[in-house]
Amino acid sequence: MMSMLYQAYQNHMDLTQPWRSGAASAARYLNLIPQGLSDRLFPRLAAALELISRSSLTYTRPAYGIDRVAVGNRELAVKEEVVQATPFGSLLRFKRESAPEQPRVLLVAPMSGHFATLLRGTVKTLLQDHDVYITDWHNPRDIPFSAGRFGLDDYTQHLIDFLGHLGPRAHMVAICQPSVSALAAAAIMCEDNHPSRPATLTLMAGPIDTRIQPTKVNEFAKSKPLKWFERNLISYVPFQCKGAFRKVYPGFVQLAAFVSMNLERHIKQHVDLHNHLVKGEKEKAAVIKTFYDEYFAVMDLPAEFYIETVRDVFQDHLLPLGKLTFRGRPVNPAAIRRMGLMTVEGEKDDICSIGQTLAAQELCTGVRAYRRVHHMQAGVGHYGVFSGKKWNSEIYPLLRDFIYVNS
């Protein structure tokens, strides 16, 4: 039954698309009616129609929308440039016109149900002082079955290859889930004396050792046998898509799980959106719409990547136990030398609790004490570690200084 769920979902969305398109068109016409002709009926109807038109997910990556950035006392134009690509991901550079030479940073985005654009604010902040590249992962439903599999080792290999393109003395910053692969890539590159091994490794809110103060997410991952995840969460990409018949953890299933964790909050947000639209409060409505445009843009996960992550990271804890391998080779964190190591955690993080990322400091015994930095940010949850006011004002200055000292 689960194997056919994605196909049934896609069929339903295709059949109801005309209704959403019609509602969007009707709402646009109603919004053209001058206020005063019917202050009660038309605004309410237009608001209801707009909510109907928005009742779907998108599987297309939103735009980053970073056109300009302040560098020192100048504002520079920014242009996106794909500098390397595979079927599963692109190395995307945010090239600043006439920018001074600054440290190169590879920002490693999670592959966890949303696009790398979730780190839009992180990128914009980093661009003030760095030459920024990001791992822009592709949606598996758009990747032909003939492109092959994509597992945890393939993710790590992409990081090694992307760093190879950046060249010597680049810096790697991993956000959340890819912290394990980032540490593994750094260890393998150091052990091989790779010329492009990073100058620094920064791990932010990452599940290095989920045995420490397990969260609800960690407990759920251990509450079921691996076969349960395969039977109940894995499906085939529908035949209408380029990636037809590829096995994935569907994005809409992931989003349903996320929404269910804070269902009342999401319902209230949409009630508020309706009320703002009725009252003509366009700015307040735009804030909510912008958030959900990003939140409802979802991507699938390759089945093998998801299952291997659940098994190796959350169930078997291979990295902290010294049992993680890459292409059959043992991953030895102690091999990381002549490299700076920074770990960042959030006090109120309910996804990756305090201590789970800090564990990397104990594993990387080859890093000199004067090259180590750990920061626990008070008053922030998971997303506050890499976005928002405290990221900009308190965390980022520490990261910027850490990178410059080790450049």
Protein backbone atom coordinates (compact mmCIF):
# COMPACT_ATOMS: atom_id res chain seq x y z
CA MET A 1 0.00 0.00 0.00
CA MET A 2 2.77 2.46 0.89
CA SER A 3 4.49 1.84 -2.43
CA MET A 4 1.39 3.23 -4.22
CA LEU A 5 0.70 6.13 -1.83
CA TYR A 6 2.86 8.64 -3.70
CA GLN A 7 1.17 7.76 -7.00
CA ALA A 8 -2.27 8.21 -5.43
CA TYR A 9 -1.22 11.55 -3.94
CA GLN A 10 0.12 12.79 -7.28
CA ASN A 11 -3.06 11.71 -9.09
CA HIS A 12 -5.15 13.62 -6.53
CA MET A 13 -3.03 16.78 -6.87
CA ASP A 14 -3.23 16.64 -10.68
CA LEU A 15 -7.01 16.22 -10.61
CA THR A 16 -7.57 19.12 -8.19
CA GLN A 17 -5.12 21.52 -9.85
CA PRO A 18 -7.85 23.16 -12.00
CA TRP A 19 -9.76 24.05 -8.82
CA ARG A 20 -6.75 25.75 -7.28
CA SER A 21 -5.94 27.59 -10.49
CA GLY A 22 -9.55 28.73 -10.79
CA ALA A 23 -9.59 29.93 -7.20
CA ALA A 24 -6.39 31.92 -7.75
CA SER A 25 -7.81 33.60 -10.86
CA ALA A 26 -11.11 34.43 -9.15
CA ALA A 27 -9.29 35.88 -6.13
CA ARG A 28 -7.24 38.17 -8.39
CA TYR A 29 -10.40 39.57 -10.03
CA LEU A 30 -12.19 40.06 -6.71
CA ASN A 31 -9.22 41.99 -5.34
CA LEU A 32 -9.65 44.47 -8.19
CA ILE A 33 -13.13 45.49 -6.97
CA PRO A 34 -12.90 48.93 -5.28
CA GLN A 35 -13.39 48.97 -1.52
CA GLY A 36 -16.80 50.21 -0.48
CA LEU A 37 -18.89 48.31 -3.02
CA SER A 38 -19.09 45.36 -0.66
CA ASP A 39 -16.79 45.66 2.30
CA ARG A 40 -18.00 42.45 3.87
CA LEU A 41 -18.64 39.85 1.16
CA PHE A 42 -15.88 40.29 -1.42
CA PRO A 43 -12.86 40.53 0.93
CA ARG A 44 -13.94 37.38 2.75
CA LEU A 45 -14.59 35.52 -0.47
CA ALA A 46 -11.28 36.68 -1.98
CA ALA A 47 -9.43 35.58 1.18
CA ALA A 48 -11.09 32.15 1.11
CA LEU A 49 -10.25 31.72 -2.56
CA GLU A 50 -6.62 32.63 -1.96
CA LEU A 51 -6.33 30.04 0.81
CA ILE A 52 -7.83 27.43 -1.54
CA SER A 53 -5.32 28.35 -4.24
CA ARG A 54 -2.48 27.89 -1.75
CA SER A 55 -3.64 24.44 -0.58
CA SER A 56 -0.88 22.51 -2.32
CA LEU A 57 2.82 21.78 -2.07
CA THR A 58 5.46 22.62 -4.63
CA TYR A 59 8.34 20.38 -5.61
CA THR A 60 10.25 23.17 -7.33
CA ARG A 61 13.14 24.92 -5.59
CA PRO A 62 12.25 28.52 -4.67
CA ALA A 63 14.60 31.29 -5.76
CA TYR A 64 17.33 32.38 -3.36
CA GLY A 65 16.53 35.97 -4.28
CA ILE A 66 19.92 37.35 -3.23
CA ASP A 67 20.66 40.04 -5.80
CA ARG A 68 22.82 42.42 -3.78
CA VAL A 69 24.84 42.31 -0.57
CA ALA A 70 26.67 44.87 1.55
CA VAL A 71 30.43 44.26 1.68
CA GLY A 72 32.16 46.81 3.88
CA ASN A 73 30.84 50.22 2.85
CA ARG A 74 29.84 49.04 -0.65
CA GLU A 75 26.81 47.25 -2.02
CA LEU A 76 27.77 44.60 -4.56
CA ALA A 77 25.67 42.76 -7.12
CA VAL A 78 25.37 38.99 -6.59
CA LYS A 79 25.05 36.44 -9.37
CA GLU A 80 24.34 32.72 -8.91
CA GLU A 81 26.77 30.49 -10.75
CA VAL A 82 26.72 26.67 -10.97
CA VAL A 83 30.40 25.71 -10.95
CA GLN A 84 30.03 21.94 -10.69
CA ALA A 85 27.06 19.61 -10.98
CA THR A 86 26.02 15.98 -10.78
CA PRO A 87 22.54 14.48 -11.27
CA PHE A 88 21.99 14.78 -7.50
CA GLY A 89 23.36 18.20 -6.65
CA SER A 90 25.04 21.38 -7.79
CA LEU A 91 27.88 23.36 -6.29
CA LEU A 92 26.36 26.82 -6.44
CA ARG A 93 28.47 29.94 -6.03
CA PHE A 94 27.09 33.35 -5.07
CA LYS A 95 29.53 35.43 -7.08
CA ARG A 96 29.87 39.04 -5.94
CA GLU A 97 30.92 41.49 -8.62
CA SER A 98 34.19 43.35 -7.91
CA ALA A 99 34.47 41.77 -4.46
CA PRO A 100 37.83 41.66 -2.66
CA GLU A 101 39.48 38.28 -2.15
CA GLN A 102 37.96 36.73 0.97
CA PRO A 103 37.86 33.24 2.55
CA ARG A 104 36.00 30.61 0.49
CA VAL A 105 33.23 28.87 2.42
CA LEU A 106 31.37 25.70 1.45
CA LEU A 107 27.98 25.84 3.18
CA VAL A 108 26.69 22.27 3.46
CA ALA A 109 22.90 22.21 3.37
CA PRO A 110 20.89 19.36 4.87
CA MET A 111 19.03 16.91 2.67
CA SER A 112 16.04 16.67 4.94
CA GLY A 113 12.84 17.43 3.09
CA HIS A 114 13.37 21.08 2.21
CA PHE A 115 15.54 22.75 -0.41
CA ALA A 116 18.86 24.44 0.35
CA THR A 117 17.02 27.78 0.02
CA LEU A 118 16.04 27.24 3.66
CA LEU A 119 19.54 28.63 4.33
CA ARG A 120 18.90 31.81 2.34
CA GLY A 121 19.43 34.03 5.39
CA THR A 122 22.58 32.13 6.38
CA VAL A 123 24.02 32.68 2.90
CA LYS A 124 23.18 36.38 2.88
CA THR A 125 24.94 36.92 6.20
CA LEU A 126 28.03 34.93 5.19
CA LEU A 127 28.32 36.90 1.94
CA GLN A 128 29.27 40.04 3.84
CA ASP A 129 32.75 38.65 4.52
CA HIS A 130 33.15 35.45 2.48
CA ASP A 131 33.12 33.92 -0.98
CA VAL A 132 30.16 31.58 -0.47
CA TYR A 133 29.34 28.26 -2.16
CA ILE A 134 26.43 25.99 -1.21
CA THR A 135 25.45 22.36 -1.81
CA ASP A 136 22.26 22.87 -3.83
CA TRP A 137 20.67 19.40 -3.72
CA HIS A 138 18.34 18.31 -6.52
CA ASN A 139 14.91 16.80 -5.99
CA PRO A 140 15.06 13.00 -6.52
CA ARG A 141 11.63 13.02 -8.19
CA ASP A 142 13.30 14.94 -11.04
CA ILE A 143 16.36 12.65 -11.29
CA PRO A 144 16.03 9.79 -13.81
CA PHE A 145 16.15 6.28 -12.39
CA SER A 146 19.11 5.61 -14.69
CA ALA A 147 21.26 8.05 -12.63
CA GLY A 148 21.62 5.31 -10.01
CA ARG A 149 21.48 5.33 -6.22
CA PHE A 150 22.42 8.05 -3.75
CA GLY A 151 23.37 6.89 -0.27
CA LEU A 152 25.22 8.31 2.70
CA ASP A 153 28.62 7.56 1.13
CA ASP A 154 27.57 9.36 -2.04
CA TYR A 155 26.67 12.44 0.00
CA THR A 156 30.12 12.37 1.64
CA GLN A 157 31.79 11.89 -1.75
CA HIS A 158 30.00 14.98 -3.08
CA LEU A 159 31.49 17.03 -0.24
CA ILE A 160 35.00 15.75 -1.02
CA ASP A 161 34.53 16.51 -4.73
CA PHE A 162 33.08 19.98 -4.09
CA LEU A 163 35.96 20.86 -1.75
CA GLY A 164 38.31 19.64 -4.45
CA HIS A 165 36.81 22.22 -6.79
CA LEU A 166 37.20 25.02 -4.21
CA GLY A 167 40.86 24.19 -3.78
CA PRO A 168 43.23 24.52 -0.79
CA ARG A 169 42.38 26.43 2.40
CA ALA A 170 38.61 26.59 1.91
CA HIS A 171 36.29 26.37 4.93
CA MET A 172 33.38 23.95 5.44
CA VAL A 173 30.27 24.88 7.46
CA ALA A 174 27.72 22.06 7.90
CA ILE A 175 24.18 22.76 9.09
CA CYS A 176 22.37 20.08 11.08
CA GLN A 177 22.03 16.59 9.51
CA PRO A 178 25.11 16.65 7.21
CA SER A 179 27.47 17.22 10.15
CA VAL A 180 28.27 13.50 10.20
CA SER A 181 29.15 13.43 6.49
CA ALA A 182 31.12 16.69 6.81
CA LEU A 183 33.22 15.28 9.63
CA ALA A 184 33.72 12.03 7.69
CA ALA A 185 34.81 13.94 4.56
CA ALA A 186 37.29 16.01 6.58
CA ALA A 187 38.74 12.89 8.23
CA ILE A 188 39.15 11.01 4.94
CA MET A 189 40.73 14.03 3.23
CA CYS A 190 43.18 14.55 6.11
CA GLU A 191 44.11 10.88 6.17
CA ASP A 192 44.79 11.04 2.40
CA ASN A 193 46.66 14.33 2.77
CA HIS A 194 44.26 15.74 0.18
CA PRO A 195 45.46 19.14 -1.08
CA SER A 196 41.94 20.57 -0.78
CA ARG A 197 41.20 19.43 2.77
CA PRO A 198 39.39 22.30 4.52
CA ALA A 199 41.20 24.79 6.72
CA THR A 200 38.31 24.72 9.19
CA LEU A 201 35.30 22.54 9.92
CA THR A 202 32.26 24.11 11.58
CA LEU A 203 29.40 21.89 12.74
CA MET A 204 26.14 23.64 13.67
CA ALA A 205 23.36 21.79 15.51
CA GLY A 206 24.45 18.44 14.07
CA PRO A 207 23.65 14.88 15.29
CA ILE A 208 27.21 13.69 15.94
CA ASP A 209 26.17 11.57 18.95
CA THR A 210 22.41 11.22 19.41
CA ARG A 211 22.83 9.07 22.52
CA ILE A 212 23.35 12.32 24.44
CA GLN A 213 20.08 13.78 25.81
CA PRO A 214 17.91 12.15 23.10
CA THR A 215 15.14 14.31 21.64
CA LYS A 216 11.73 13.13 20.44
CA VAL A 217 13.20 12.88 16.94
CA ASN A 218 16.01 10.64 18.22
CA GLU A 219 13.64 8.50 20.26
CA PHE A 220 11.30 7.97 17.31
CA ALA A 221 14.21 6.86 15.11
CA LYS A 222 15.05 4.16 17.68
CA SER A 223 11.47 3.18 18.49
CA LYS A 224 10.97 1.14 15.31
CA PRO A 225 13.04 -1.52 13.53
CA LEU A 226 14.62 -0.46 10.25
CA LYS A 227 12.16 -2.64 8.32
CA TRP A 228 9.29 -0.52 9.69
CA PHE A 229 10.76 2.62 8.11
CA GLU A 230 11.22 0.80 4.81
CA ARG A 231 7.66 -0.54 4.79
CA ASN A 232 5.84 2.54 6.06
CA LEU A 233 7.78 5.56 4.77
CA ILE A 234 9.30 4.55 1.43
CA SER A 235 7.39 4.88 -1.84
CA TYR A 236 7.99 5.09 -5.59
CA VAL A 237 8.13 8.36 -7.53
CA PRO A 238 4.96 8.64 -9.67
CA PHE A 239 5.13 7.81 -13.37
CA GLN A 240 4.32 11.46 -14.29
CA CYS A 241 7.73 12.59 -12.99
CA LYS A 242 11.21 12.44 -14.54
CA GLY A 243 12.38 10.26 -11.66
CA ALA A 244 9.56 7.73 -12.12
CA PHE A 245 9.95 4.50 -10.13
CA ARG A 246 12.85 5.79 -8.00
CA LYS A 247 12.36 4.77 -4.37
CA VAL A 248 12.11 7.81 -2.07
CA TYR A 249 10.92 9.08 1.27
CA PRO A 250 8.28 11.45 -0.16
CA GLY A 251 8.42 15.12 0.73
CA PHE A 252 4.69 15.35 1.46
CA VAL A 253 5.00 12.54 4.03
CA GLN A 254 7.90 14.33 5.72
CA LEU A 255 5.97 17.61 5.78
CA ALA A 256 2.93 15.91 7.29
CA ALA A 257 5.16 14.69 10.14
CA PHE A 258 6.61 18.18 10.68
CA VAL A 259 3.16 19.83 10.64
CA SER A 260 1.69 17.27 13.06
CA MET A 261 4.31 18.23 15.65
CA ASN A 262 2.88 21.80 15.78
CA LEU A 263 -0.55 21.37 14.22
CA GLU A 264 -2.33 24.01 16.32
CA ARG A 265 0.29 26.60 15.45
CA HIS A 266 -0.04 25.98 11.70
CA ILE A 267 -3.84 26.14 11.86
CA LYS A 268 -3.66 29.42 13.76
CA GLN A 269 -1.23 30.86 11.21
CA HIS A 270 -3.66 30.15 8.36
CA VAL A 271 -6.59 31.59 10.33
CA ASP A 272 -4.46 34.69 10.91
CA LEU A 273 -3.59 34.81 7.22
CA HIS A 274 -7.30 34.75 6.32
CA ASN A 275 -8.04 37.56 8.77
CA HIS A 276 -5.14 39.71 7.52
CA LEU A 277 -6.36 39.30 3.93
CA VAL A 278 -9.92 40.24 4.90
CA LYS A 279 -8.71 43.38 6.70
CA GLY A 280 -6.41 44.36 3.88
CA GLU A 281 -3.30 43.99 6.08
CA LYS A 282 -1.05 43.12 3.16
CA GLU A 283 2.29 43.36 4.96
CA LYS A 284 1.24 41.02 7.77
CA ALA A 285 -0.25 38.60 5.26
CA ALA A 286 2.92 38.71 3.17
CA VAL A 287 5.05 37.60 6.13
CA ILE A 288 2.94 34.47 6.62
CA LYS A 289 2.75 33.74 2.88
CA THR A 290 6.51 34.09 2.46
CA PHE A 291 7.13 31.62 5.29
CA TYR A 292 4.74 29.02 3.92
CA ASP A 293 5.94 29.46 0.33
CA GLU A 294 9.28 28.13 1.62
CA TYR A 295 7.84 25.67 4.14
CA PHE A 296 5.54 24.04 1.57
CA ALA A 297 8.32 23.73 -1.01
CA VAL A 298 9.40 20.15 -0.31
CA MET A 299 11.80 17.67 -1.84
CA ASP A 300 11.91 13.90 -1.60
CA LEU A 301 14.84 11.99 -0.12
CA PRO A 302 16.49 9.05 -1.91
CA ALA A 303 15.33 5.96 -0.04
CA GLU A 304 18.83 4.58 0.45
CA PHE A 305 20.10 7.89 1.85
CA TYR A 306 17.23 8.13 4.33
CA ILE A 307 17.41 4.51 5.50
CA GLU A 308 21.21 4.59 5.88
CA THR A 309 21.00 7.83 7.86
CA VAL A 310 18.39 6.38 10.23
CA ARG A 311 20.48 3.23 10.68
CA ASP A 312 24.02 4.61 10.88
CA VAL A 313 23.42 7.94 12.65
CA PHE A 314 20.33 7.50 14.80
CA GLN A 315 20.10 3.78 15.55
CA ASP A 316 23.62 2.33 15.50
CA HIS A 317 25.60 5.53 16.36
CA LEU A 318 28.48 4.37 14.17
CA LEU A 319 30.50 7.61 14.25
CA PRO A 320 30.84 8.04 18.04
CA LEU A 321 31.41 4.29 18.43
CA GLY A 322 34.30 4.36 15.94
CA LYS A 323 32.50 2.05 13.48
CA LEU A 324 31.55 4.43 10.66
CA THR A 325 33.00 3.59 7.25
CA PHE A 326 33.27 5.39 3.93
CA ARG A 327 33.45 3.23 0.80
CA GLY A 328 34.53 0.39 3.09
CA ARG A 329 37.26 2.45 4.82
CA PRO A 330 37.09 3.21 8.54
CA VAL A 331 36.41 6.88 9.29
CA ASN A 332 38.93 8.05 11.88
CA PRO A 333 38.09 11.49 13.36
CA ALA A 334 41.49 11.50 15.11
CA ALA A 335 43.06 11.83 11.64
CA ILE A 336 41.81 15.44 11.46
CA ARG A 337 44.88 17.59 12.02
CA ARG A 338 46.09 21.07 11.11
CA MET A 339 42.46 22.15 10.94
CA GLY A 340 40.24 24.40 13.04
CA LEU A 341 37.13 22.85 14.61
CA MET A 342 34.11 24.85 15.73
CA THR A 343 30.87 23.43 17.14
CA VAL A 344 27.69 25.44 17.76
CA GLU A 345 24.58 24.42 19.67
CA GLY A 346 21.31 26.06 20.70
CA GLU A 347 20.09 26.08 24.29
CA LYS A 348 16.47 25.30 23.33
CA ASP A 349 17.13 22.99 20.38
CA ASP A 350 14.47 20.25 20.46
CA ILE A 351 15.82 18.49 17.34
CA CYS A 352 19.53 18.25 18.17
CA SER A 353 20.00 18.73 21.89
CA ILE A 354 22.93 20.21 23.79
CA GLY A 355 25.94 17.90 23.78
CA GLN A 356 25.19 16.04 20.54
CA THR A 357 27.32 18.38 18.39
CA LEU A 358 29.87 19.09 21.11
CA ALA A 359 30.71 15.36 20.94
CA ALA A 360 32.77 16.10 17.82
CA GLN A 361 35.31 17.90 20.00
CA GLU A 362 36.02 14.69 21.91
CA LEU A 363 36.22 12.58 18.76
CA CYS A 364 38.68 14.87 16.93
CA THR A 365 41.63 14.30 19.25
CA GLY A 366 44.17 15.40 16.65
CA VAL A 367 42.94 19.01 16.61
CA ARG A 368 45.12 21.30 18.73
CA ALA A 369 43.44 23.00 21.68
CA TYR A 370 44.08 26.50 20.32
CA ARG A 371 42.22 25.59 17.12
CA ARG A 372 39.04 24.50 18.94
CA VAL A 373 35.96 26.65 19.57
CA HIS A 374 32.62 25.64 21.07
CA HIS A 375 29.65 27.97 21.45
CA MET A 376 26.31 27.31 23.10
CA GLN A 377 23.87 30.05 22.12
CA ALA A 378 21.42 30.94 24.86
CA GLY A 379 17.77 31.44 24.02
CA VAL A 380 17.60 29.84 20.58
CA GLY A 381 16.08 26.67 19.19
CA HIS A 382 17.25 24.62 16.24
CA TYR A 383 16.71 27.17 13.48
CA GLY A 384 17.98 30.02 15.63
CA VAL A 385 21.46 28.50 15.47
CA PHE A 386 21.82 29.47 11.79
CA SER A 387 19.11 32.08 11.15
CA GLY A 388 17.51 35.06 12.84
CA LYS A 389 18.68 37.89 15.06
CA LYS A 390 20.97 35.98 17.39
CA TRP A 391 22.63 34.18 14.50
CA ASN A 392 23.40 37.55 12.93
CA SER A 393 24.45 39.41 16.05
CA GLU A 394 26.05 36.77 18.29
CA ILE A 395 26.88 33.53 16.45
CA TYR A 396 28.02 34.84 13.09
CA PRO A 397 30.69 37.22 14.48
CA LEU A 398 32.27 34.26 16.30
CA LEU A 399 32.21 32.13 13.15
CA ARG A 400 33.63 34.96 11.04
CA ASP A 401 36.52 35.51 13.44
CA PHE A 402 37.17 31.77 13.72
CA ILE A 403 37.42 31.46 9.93
CA TYR A 404 39.71 34.48 9.57
CA VAL A 405 42.08 33.34 12.35
CA ASN A 406 42.43 29.96 10.65
CA SER A 407 42.71 31.21 7.05
